[in-house]
Amino acid sequence: MKQTIFALIVVLGMSVCAQAQDNRQERRFDKKEMINMRTNRMVERYGLNEEQKAKLQELNTQYADSMNFGRQRGQRPPRDISNQPKSGKVDTEIKPFERPSREDMQAMREKAEATQKAYEAEVKKIMTEEQFAKYTEDRNQMRQRRPDMGGNRPRGQRPQRQNAE
């Protein structure tokens, strides 16, 4: 009798743990969904008309790859298997992540900044002055809320993590 009750409690505990883990999984959106969500959010936020929406949709589609729409912060890009041998055997070995050099990081940062400036220049052409002013203000506020991003902190210091309790 005791063994039956103990086994029942163990099975119940395992099912609760499994259910809790399933609930933590986030939904991953594909690139088209992220482009549409970004466009619709900007249309709603800045009051864009249909013509502006169509141009913004096209712009967001054009910049989706270079600005990593739909990719979580810190998430690695998918591994490129296009250069695998044509023998039919795909190299599935997991290789350790090699951190880029400082020079590579600086080059990537400069490329990202140039892409962002080009994107914002195109957005400015699409939006009215008032809409773009609100967009710029929102971007500045976002940057202030995240001071640990984008090199706005002294070198060698890391942001303090908050304990979620």
N, C-alpha and C. Protein backbone atom coordinates (compact mmCIF):
# COMPACT_ATOMS: atom_id res chain seq x y z
N MET A 1 0.83 -1.19 0.00
CA MET A 1 0.00 0.00 0.00
C MET A 1 0.88 1.25 0.00
N LYS A 2 1.92 1.26 0.88
CA LYS A 2 2.79 2.41 0.95
C LYS A 2 3.54 2.59 -0.37
N GLN A 3 3.95 1.48 -0.97
CA GLN A 3 4.69 1.57 -2.23
C GLN A 3 3.80 2.12 -3.34
N THR A 4 2.55 1.76 -3.34
CA THR A 4 1.61 2.24 -4.36
C THR A 4 1.41 3.75 -4.22
N ILE A 5 1.22 4.21 -3.00
CA ILE A 5 1.03 5.65 -2.75
C ILE A 5 2.29 6.41 -3.13
N PHE A 6 3.45 5.87 -2.75
CA PHE A 6 4.72 6.52 -3.08
C PHE A 6 4.91 6.60 -4.60
N ALA A 7 4.60 5.52 -5.30
CA ALA A 7 4.73 5.50 -6.76
C ALA A 7 3.78 6.51 -7.40
N LEU A 8 2.57 6.62 -6.86
CA LEU A 8 1.60 7.57 -7.37
C LEU A 8 2.08 9.01 -7.18
N ILE A 9 2.67 9.29 -6.03
CA ILE A 9 3.20 10.63 -5.76
C ILE A 9 4.36 10.96 -6.70
N VAL A 10 5.23 9.98 -6.93
CA VAL A 10 6.36 10.20 -7.84
C VAL A 10 5.86 10.49 -9.25
N VAL A 11 4.91 9.70 -9.73
CA VAL A 11 4.38 9.91 -11.08
C VAL A 11 3.68 11.27 -11.17
N LEU A 12 2.93 11.65 -10.16
CA LEU A 12 2.26 12.94 -10.14
C LEU A 12 3.29 14.08 -10.16
N GLY A 13 4.34 13.95 -9.38
CA GLY A 13 5.38 14.97 -9.35
C GLY A 13 6.08 15.12 -10.69
N MET A 14 6.35 14.00 -11.34
CA MET A 14 7.00 14.05 -12.65
C MET A 14 6.10 14.69 -13.69
N SER A 15 4.83 14.42 -13.65
CA SER A 15 3.92 15.01 -14.64
C SER A 15 3.79 16.52 -14.42
N VAL A 16 3.79 16.96 -13.17
CA VAL A 16 3.73 18.39 -12.88
C VAL A 16 4.99 19.08 -13.39
N CYS A 17 6.15 18.47 -13.19
CA CYS A 17 7.41 19.04 -13.68
C CYS A 17 7.43 19.12 -15.20
N ALA A 18 6.95 18.07 -15.85
CA ALA A 18 6.93 18.06 -17.31
C ALA A 18 6.00 19.14 -17.84
N GLN A 19 4.86 19.31 -17.20
CA GLN A 19 3.91 20.35 -17.62
C GLN A 19 4.50 21.73 -17.42
N ALA A 20 5.19 21.96 -16.32
CA ALA A 20 5.78 23.26 -16.05
C ALA A 20 6.85 23.58 -17.10
N GLN A 21 7.61 22.60 -17.53
CA GLN A 21 8.63 22.85 -18.55
C GLN A 21 8.00 23.17 -19.89
N ASP A 22 6.89 22.54 -20.22
CA ASP A 22 6.20 22.82 -21.48
C ASP A 22 5.70 24.26 -21.51
N ASN A 23 5.24 24.78 -20.39
CA ASN A 23 4.70 26.13 -20.34
C ASN A 23 5.78 27.19 -20.50
N ARG A 24 7.03 26.88 -20.19
CA ARG A 24 8.12 27.85 -20.28
C ARG A 24 8.63 28.05 -21.70
N GLN A 25 8.31 27.15 -22.59
CA GLN A 25 8.81 27.27 -23.95
C GLN A 25 8.13 28.43 -24.65
N GLU A 26 8.95 29.30 -25.26
CA GLU A 26 8.42 30.46 -25.95
C GLU A 26 8.09 30.09 -27.39
N ARG A 27 7.12 30.80 -27.93
CA ARG A 27 6.77 30.59 -29.32
C ARG A 27 7.79 31.33 -30.18
N ARG A 28 8.32 30.67 -31.15
CA ARG A 28 9.29 31.29 -32.06
C ARG A 28 8.53 31.69 -33.34
N PHE A 29 8.72 32.93 -33.72
CA PHE A 29 8.07 33.43 -34.92
C PHE A 29 9.01 33.29 -36.11
N ASP A 30 8.43 33.08 -37.27
CA ASP A 30 9.28 33.06 -38.45
C ASP A 30 9.52 34.50 -38.91
N LYS A 31 10.39 34.65 -39.90
CA LYS A 31 10.81 35.99 -40.33
C LYS A 31 9.63 36.82 -40.85
N LYS A 32 8.74 36.22 -41.64
CA LYS A 32 7.61 36.97 -42.19
C LYS A 32 6.69 37.46 -41.08
N GLU A 33 6.45 36.62 -40.08
CA GLU A 33 5.61 37.05 -38.96
C GLU A 33 6.25 38.22 -38.22
N MET A 34 7.56 38.16 -38.02
CA MET A 34 8.25 39.24 -37.32
C MET A 34 8.21 40.54 -38.14
N ILE A 35 8.37 40.43 -39.44
CA ILE A 35 8.29 41.62 -40.30
C ILE A 35 6.90 42.24 -40.20
N ASN A 36 5.87 41.39 -40.28
CA ASN A 36 4.50 41.90 -40.18
C ASN A 36 4.22 42.51 -38.82
N MET A 37 4.71 41.86 -37.76
CA MET A 37 4.48 42.40 -36.41
C MET A 37 5.18 43.75 -36.25
N ARG A 38 6.41 43.85 -36.72
CA ARG A 38 7.16 45.11 -36.61
C ARG A 38 6.45 46.20 -37.40
N THR A 39 6.04 45.89 -38.62
CA THR A 39 5.36 46.88 -39.46
C THR A 39 4.05 47.32 -38.81
N ASN A 40 3.24 46.37 -38.37
CA ASN A 40 1.94 46.72 -37.76
C ASN A 40 2.10 47.52 -36.49
N ARG A 41 3.13 47.19 -35.69
CA ARG A 41 3.37 47.94 -34.46
C ARG A 41 3.74 49.40 -34.78
N MET A 42 4.57 49.58 -35.80
CA MET A 42 4.97 50.94 -36.19
C MET A 42 3.80 51.69 -36.80
N VAL A 43 2.97 51.03 -37.60
CA VAL A 43 1.79 51.67 -38.20
C VAL A 43 0.85 52.16 -37.10
N GLU A 44 0.62 51.31 -36.12
CA GLU A 44 -0.28 51.67 -35.01
C GLU A 44 0.33 52.77 -34.14
N ARG A 45 1.59 52.63 -33.81
CA ARG A 45 2.26 53.56 -32.90
C ARG A 45 2.40 54.97 -33.48
N TYR A 46 2.71 55.05 -34.79
CA TYR A 46 2.99 56.35 -35.39
C TYR A 46 1.90 56.83 -36.33
N GLY A 47 0.79 56.10 -36.43
CA GLY A 47 -0.35 56.54 -37.23
C GLY A 47 -0.05 56.63 -38.71
N LEU A 48 0.55 55.60 -39.27
CA LEU A 48 0.89 55.61 -40.69
C LEU A 48 -0.33 55.26 -41.54
N ASN A 49 -0.39 55.83 -42.74
CA ASN A 49 -1.49 55.51 -43.65
C ASN A 49 -1.13 54.25 -44.47
N GLU A 50 -2.04 53.85 -45.36
CA GLU A 50 -1.84 52.61 -46.11
C GLU A 50 -0.62 52.69 -47.04
N GLU A 51 -0.41 53.83 -47.66
CA GLU A 51 0.74 53.98 -48.56
C GLU A 51 2.05 53.87 -47.76
N GLN A 52 2.08 54.53 -46.61
CA GLN A 52 3.26 54.45 -45.75
C GLN A 52 3.46 53.03 -45.26
N LYS A 53 2.36 52.36 -44.93
CA LYS A 53 2.45 50.98 -44.44
C LYS A 53 3.07 50.07 -45.50
N ALA A 54 2.65 50.23 -46.76
CA ALA A 54 3.18 49.39 -47.84
C ALA A 54 4.68 49.64 -48.01
N LYS A 55 5.09 50.91 -47.97
CA LYS A 55 6.52 51.23 -48.12
C LYS A 55 7.32 50.70 -46.93
N LEU A 56 6.77 50.82 -45.73
CA LEU A 56 7.45 50.33 -44.53
C LEU A 56 7.55 48.81 -44.55
N GLN A 57 6.50 48.14 -45.01
CA GLN A 57 6.53 46.68 -45.13
C GLN A 57 7.65 46.25 -46.07
N GLU A 58 7.78 46.94 -47.19
CA GLU A 58 8.84 46.63 -48.16
C GLU A 58 10.22 46.90 -47.55
N LEU A 59 10.35 48.02 -46.83
CA LEU A 59 11.62 48.36 -46.19
C LEU A 59 11.99 47.33 -45.12
N ASN A 60 11.03 46.95 -44.30
CA ASN A 60 11.30 45.96 -43.25
C ASN A 60 11.67 44.61 -43.85
N THR A 61 11.07 44.26 -44.96
CA THR A 61 11.43 43.01 -45.64
C THR A 61 12.86 43.09 -46.17
N GLN A 62 13.21 44.25 -46.73
CA GLN A 62 14.55 44.45 -47.28
C GLN A 62 15.63 44.35 -46.19
N TYR A 63 15.33 44.88 -45.01
CA TYR A 63 16.33 44.92 -43.94
C TYR A 63 16.20 43.78 -42.93
N ALA A 64 15.30 42.85 -43.16
CA ALA A 64 15.04 41.79 -42.18
C ALA A 64 16.27 40.96 -41.85
N ASP A 65 17.04 40.58 -42.85
CA ASP A 65 18.22 39.75 -42.60
C ASP A 65 19.34 40.53 -41.94
N SER A 66 19.59 41.73 -42.43
CA SER A 66 20.72 42.50 -41.91
C SER A 66 20.48 43.04 -40.52
N MET A 67 19.20 43.19 -40.12
CA MET A 67 18.91 43.71 -38.78
C MET A 67 18.40 42.64 -37.84
N ASN A 68 18.43 41.38 -38.27
CA ASN A 68 18.10 40.25 -37.42
C ASN A 68 16.70 40.32 -36.83
N PHE A 69 15.70 40.69 -37.63
CA PHE A 69 14.33 40.67 -37.15
C PHE A 69 14.00 39.23 -36.78
N GLY A 70 13.39 39.04 -35.64
CA GLY A 70 12.94 37.71 -35.26
C GLY A 70 13.95 36.88 -34.53
N ARG A 71 15.11 37.41 -34.29
CA ARG A 71 16.12 36.64 -33.58
C ARG A 71 16.25 37.21 -32.17
N GLN A 72 16.27 36.33 -31.20
CA GLN A 72 16.39 36.75 -29.80
C GLN A 72 17.80 37.26 -29.53
N ARG A 73 17.92 38.15 -28.59
CA ARG A 73 19.22 38.67 -28.20
C ARG A 73 20.08 37.53 -27.67
N GLY A 74 21.29 37.44 -28.15
CA GLY A 74 22.20 36.40 -27.69
C GLY A 74 22.04 35.08 -28.41
N GLN A 75 21.07 34.99 -29.29
CA GLN A 75 20.83 33.75 -30.00
C GLN A 75 21.78 33.67 -31.20
N ARG A 76 22.39 32.54 -31.38
CA ARG A 76 23.29 32.37 -32.51
C ARG A 76 22.51 32.18 -33.79
N PRO A 77 23.06 32.67 -34.89
CA PRO A 77 22.40 32.43 -36.18
C PRO A 77 22.47 30.95 -36.54
N PRO A 78 21.57 30.49 -37.40
CA PRO A 78 21.63 29.09 -37.80
C PRO A 78 22.95 28.77 -38.48
N ARG A 79 23.41 27.54 -38.27
CA ARG A 79 24.68 27.13 -38.85
C ARG A 79 24.54 26.95 -40.35
N ASP A 80 25.50 27.47 -41.08
CA ASP A 80 25.48 27.38 -42.53
C ASP A 80 25.98 26.01 -42.96
N ILE A 81 25.11 25.25 -43.59
CA ILE A 81 25.52 23.92 -44.06
C ILE A 81 25.64 23.88 -45.57
N SER A 82 25.60 25.06 -46.22
CA SER A 82 25.67 25.10 -47.68
C SER A 82 27.03 24.66 -48.20
N ASN A 83 28.08 24.79 -47.37
CA ASN A 83 29.41 24.41 -47.83
C ASN A 83 29.78 22.99 -47.41
N GLN A 84 28.79 22.20 -47.08
CA GLN A 84 29.05 20.81 -46.70
C GLN A 84 29.37 19.99 -47.96
N PRO A 85 30.09 18.90 -47.82
CA PRO A 85 30.41 18.07 -48.98
C PRO A 85 29.15 17.51 -49.63
N LYS A 86 29.22 17.30 -50.93
CA LYS A 86 28.06 16.82 -51.69
C LYS A 86 27.89 15.31 -51.59
N SER A 87 28.65 14.66 -50.73
CA SER A 87 28.60 13.21 -50.62
C SER A 87 27.30 12.73 -49.99
N GLY A 88 26.49 13.66 -49.55
CA GLY A 88 25.24 13.28 -48.91
C GLY A 88 25.35 13.21 -47.41
N LYS A 89 26.56 13.17 -46.91
CA LYS A 89 26.77 13.13 -45.47
C LYS A 89 26.94 14.56 -44.95
N VAL A 90 26.11 14.93 -44.02
CA VAL A 90 26.16 16.27 -43.45
C VAL A 90 26.92 16.21 -42.14
N ASP A 91 27.82 17.15 -41.95
CA ASP A 91 28.59 17.22 -40.72
C ASP A 91 27.69 17.72 -39.60
N THR A 92 27.32 16.84 -38.69
CA THR A 92 26.43 17.22 -37.61
C THR A 92 27.18 17.40 -36.30
N GLU A 93 28.49 17.32 -36.35
CA GLU A 93 29.28 17.47 -35.14
C GLU A 93 29.14 18.89 -34.61
N ILE A 94 28.88 19.02 -33.34
CA ILE A 94 28.76 20.33 -32.71
C ILE A 94 30.15 20.84 -32.39
N LYS A 95 30.47 21.98 -32.98
CA LYS A 95 31.79 22.56 -32.78
C LYS A 95 31.69 23.68 -31.76
N PRO A 96 32.71 23.89 -30.97
CA PRO A 96 32.65 24.95 -29.98
C PRO A 96 32.58 26.32 -30.64
N PHE A 97 31.86 27.21 -29.99
CA PHE A 97 31.71 28.57 -30.50
C PHE A 97 33.01 29.33 -30.28
N GLU A 98 33.53 29.90 -31.34
CA GLU A 98 34.75 30.68 -31.24
C GLU A 98 34.38 32.16 -31.16
N ARG A 99 34.82 32.80 -30.10
CA ARG A 99 34.52 34.22 -29.91
C ARG A 99 35.30 35.04 -30.94
N PRO A 100 34.63 36.00 -31.61
CA PRO A 100 35.34 36.83 -32.58
C PRO A 100 36.37 37.72 -31.91
N SER A 101 37.37 38.11 -32.66
CA SER A 101 38.41 38.99 -32.13
C SER A 101 37.82 40.39 -31.92
N ARG A 102 38.56 41.23 -31.20
CA ARG A 102 38.10 42.61 -30.96
C ARG A 102 37.91 43.36 -32.27
N GLU A 103 38.83 43.14 -33.21
CA GLU A 103 38.73 43.80 -34.50
C GLU A 103 37.47 43.36 -35.25
N ASP A 104 37.19 42.06 -35.20
CA ASP A 104 35.98 41.54 -35.84
C ASP A 104 34.73 42.11 -35.18
N MET A 105 34.75 42.18 -33.85
CA MET A 105 33.61 42.74 -33.13
C MET A 105 33.41 44.20 -33.50
N GLN A 106 34.49 44.95 -33.58
CA GLN A 106 34.40 46.37 -33.95
C GLN A 106 33.85 46.51 -35.37
N ALA A 107 34.31 45.67 -36.28
CA ALA A 107 33.82 45.71 -37.66
C ALA A 107 32.33 45.37 -37.72
N MET A 108 31.91 44.37 -36.95
CA MET A 108 30.50 44.00 -36.91
C MET A 108 29.66 45.13 -36.33
N ARG A 109 30.17 45.77 -35.27
CA ARG A 109 29.47 46.89 -34.64
C ARG A 109 29.31 48.04 -35.63
N GLU A 110 30.40 48.37 -36.35
CA GLU A 110 30.34 49.46 -37.32
C GLU A 110 29.37 49.14 -38.46
N LYS A 111 29.37 47.89 -38.89
CA LYS A 111 28.44 47.48 -39.95
C LYS A 111 26.99 47.58 -39.47
N ALA A 112 26.74 47.16 -38.23
CA ALA A 112 25.38 47.23 -37.67
C ALA A 112 24.93 48.69 -37.54
N GLU A 113 25.83 49.57 -37.10
CA GLU A 113 25.49 50.98 -36.97
C GLU A 113 25.20 51.60 -38.33
N ALA A 114 25.99 51.25 -39.35
CA ALA A 114 25.76 51.77 -40.70
C ALA A 114 24.41 51.28 -41.23
N THR A 115 24.10 50.01 -40.99
CA THR A 115 22.82 49.45 -41.42
C THR A 115 21.67 50.16 -40.72
N GLN A 116 21.81 50.39 -39.41
CA GLN A 116 20.77 51.07 -38.64
C GLN A 116 20.56 52.49 -39.16
N LYS A 117 21.64 53.20 -39.45
CA LYS A 117 21.52 54.57 -39.97
C LYS A 117 20.85 54.58 -41.34
N ALA A 118 21.20 53.62 -42.19
CA ALA A 118 20.58 53.54 -43.52
C ALA A 118 19.09 53.24 -43.38
N TYR A 119 18.73 52.34 -42.46
CA TYR A 119 17.33 52.00 -42.22
C TYR A 119 16.57 53.23 -41.74
N GLU A 120 17.15 53.95 -40.79
CA GLU A 120 16.47 55.13 -40.25
C GLU A 120 16.34 56.23 -41.30
N ALA A 121 17.31 56.36 -42.21
CA ALA A 121 17.22 57.33 -43.29
C ALA A 121 16.04 56.99 -44.21
N GLU A 122 15.85 55.70 -44.48
CA GLU A 122 14.72 55.27 -45.31
C GLU A 122 13.39 55.48 -44.58
N VAL A 123 13.38 55.22 -43.27
CA VAL A 123 12.16 55.44 -42.48
C VAL A 123 11.80 56.92 -42.50
N LYS A 124 12.80 57.77 -42.42
CA LYS A 124 12.58 59.22 -42.43
C LYS A 124 11.91 59.65 -43.74
N LYS A 125 12.27 59.00 -44.86
CA LYS A 125 11.65 59.32 -46.15
C LYS A 125 10.18 58.90 -46.18
N ILE A 126 9.85 57.85 -45.44
CA ILE A 126 8.49 57.32 -45.44
C ILE A 126 7.58 58.13 -44.51
N MET A 127 8.07 58.49 -43.33
CA MET A 127 7.26 59.14 -42.31
C MET A 127 7.23 60.66 -42.50
N THR A 128 6.20 61.27 -41.90
CA THR A 128 6.16 62.72 -41.84
C THR A 128 7.14 63.19 -40.76
N GLU A 129 7.37 64.49 -40.69
CA GLU A 129 8.31 65.02 -39.69
C GLU A 129 7.85 64.69 -38.27
N GLU A 130 6.55 64.83 -38.01
CA GLU A 130 6.02 64.55 -36.66
C GLU A 130 6.16 63.07 -36.32
N GLN A 131 5.84 62.22 -37.27
CA GLN A 131 5.94 60.78 -37.04
C GLN A 131 7.39 60.37 -36.79
N PHE A 132 8.31 60.91 -37.58
CA PHE A 132 9.72 60.56 -37.41
C PHE A 132 10.27 61.12 -36.11
N ALA A 133 9.80 62.30 -35.69
CA ALA A 133 10.24 62.86 -34.42
C ALA A 133 9.82 61.94 -33.27
N LYS A 134 8.60 61.41 -33.33
CA LYS A 134 8.13 60.49 -32.30
C LYS A 134 8.93 59.18 -32.35
N TYR A 135 9.22 58.71 -33.55
CA TYR A 135 10.02 57.49 -33.73
C TYR A 135 11.41 57.69 -33.11
N THR A 136 12.04 58.82 -33.40
CA THR A 136 13.37 59.12 -32.87
C THR A 136 13.34 59.22 -31.35
N GLU A 137 12.31 59.86 -30.83
CA GLU A 137 12.17 59.98 -29.37
C GLU A 137 12.02 58.60 -28.72
N ASP A 138 11.23 57.74 -29.34
CA ASP A 138 11.05 56.38 -28.82
C ASP A 138 12.37 55.61 -28.85
N ARG A 139 13.14 55.75 -29.93
CA ARG A 139 14.44 55.07 -30.02
C ARG A 139 15.39 55.56 -28.92
N ASN A 140 15.41 56.86 -28.70
CA ASN A 140 16.28 57.41 -27.65
C ASN A 140 15.86 56.93 -26.27
N GLN A 141 14.56 56.87 -26.01
CA GLN A 141 14.08 56.37 -24.72
C GLN A 141 14.44 54.91 -24.54
N MET A 142 14.34 54.12 -25.59
CA MET A 142 14.70 52.70 -25.50
C MET A 142 16.18 52.57 -25.17
N ARG A 143 17.01 53.38 -25.80
CA ARG A 143 18.45 53.32 -25.52
C ARG A 143 18.76 53.73 -24.09
N GLN A 144 18.01 54.67 -23.54
CA GLN A 144 18.23 55.08 -22.15
C GLN A 144 17.79 54.00 -21.17
N ARG A 145 16.75 53.27 -21.53
CA ARG A 145 16.27 52.19 -20.64
C ARG A 145 17.24 51.02 -20.63
N ARG A 146 18.05 50.90 -21.66
CA ARG A 146 19.00 49.80 -21.76
C ARG A 146 20.42 50.35 -21.85
N PRO A 147 20.89 50.95 -20.80
CA PRO A 147 22.22 51.57 -20.88
C PRO A 147 23.36 50.57 -21.02
N ASP A 148 23.12 49.31 -20.68
CA ASP A 148 24.18 48.32 -20.78
C ASP A 148 24.34 47.79 -22.20
N MET A 149 23.52 48.23 -23.11
CA MET A 149 23.61 47.79 -24.50
C MET A 149 24.37 48.82 -25.33
N GLY A 150 24.99 48.37 -26.37
CA GLY A 150 25.58 49.25 -27.35
C GLY A 150 26.80 50.01 -26.90
N GLY A 151 27.53 49.52 -25.93
CA GLY A 151 28.78 50.17 -25.56
C GLY A 151 28.61 51.42 -24.73
N ASN A 152 27.46 51.61 -24.09
CA ASN A 152 27.24 52.80 -23.29
C ASN A 152 27.72 52.66 -21.85
N ARG A 153 28.52 51.66 -21.59
CA ARG A 153 29.05 51.46 -20.24
C ARG A 153 30.56 51.38 -20.31
N PRO A 154 31.22 51.68 -19.23
CA PRO A 154 32.69 51.59 -19.25
C PRO A 154 33.14 50.16 -19.52
N ARG A 155 34.27 50.03 -20.21
CA ARG A 155 34.79 48.70 -20.53
C ARG A 155 35.14 47.94 -19.27
N GLY A 156 34.92 46.65 -19.31
CA GLY A 156 35.28 45.80 -18.19
C GLY A 156 34.20 45.66 -17.14
N GLN A 157 33.15 46.46 -17.23
CA GLN A 157 32.07 46.34 -16.26
C GLN A 157 30.90 45.61 -16.90
N ARG A 158 30.29 44.79 -16.13
CA ARG A 158 29.11 44.08 -16.60
C ARG A 158 27.90 44.58 -15.84
N PRO A 159 26.73 44.54 -16.47
CA PRO A 159 25.53 44.96 -15.76
C PRO A 159 25.21 44.00 -14.63
N GLN A 160 24.68 44.51 -13.57
CA GLN A 160 24.30 43.68 -12.43
C GLN A 160 23.01 42.96 -12.77
N ARG A 161 22.96 41.69 -12.45
CA ARG A 161 21.76 40.90 -12.70
C ARG A 161 20.82 41.02 -11.51
N GLN A 162 19.56 41.11 -11.83
CA GLN A 162 18.54 41.17 -10.79
C GLN A 162 18.11 39.73 -10.47
N ASN A 163 18.03 39.42 -9.22
CA ASN A 163 17.56 38.08 -8.85
C ASN A 163 16.04 38.07 -8.87
N ALA A 164 15.47 37.20 -9.67
CA ALA A 164 14.03 37.07 -9.75
C ALA A 164 13.56 36.13 -8.65
N GLU A 165 13.04 36.72 -7.61
CA GLU A 165 12.57 35.88 -6.50
C GLU A 165 11.12 36.11 -6.24
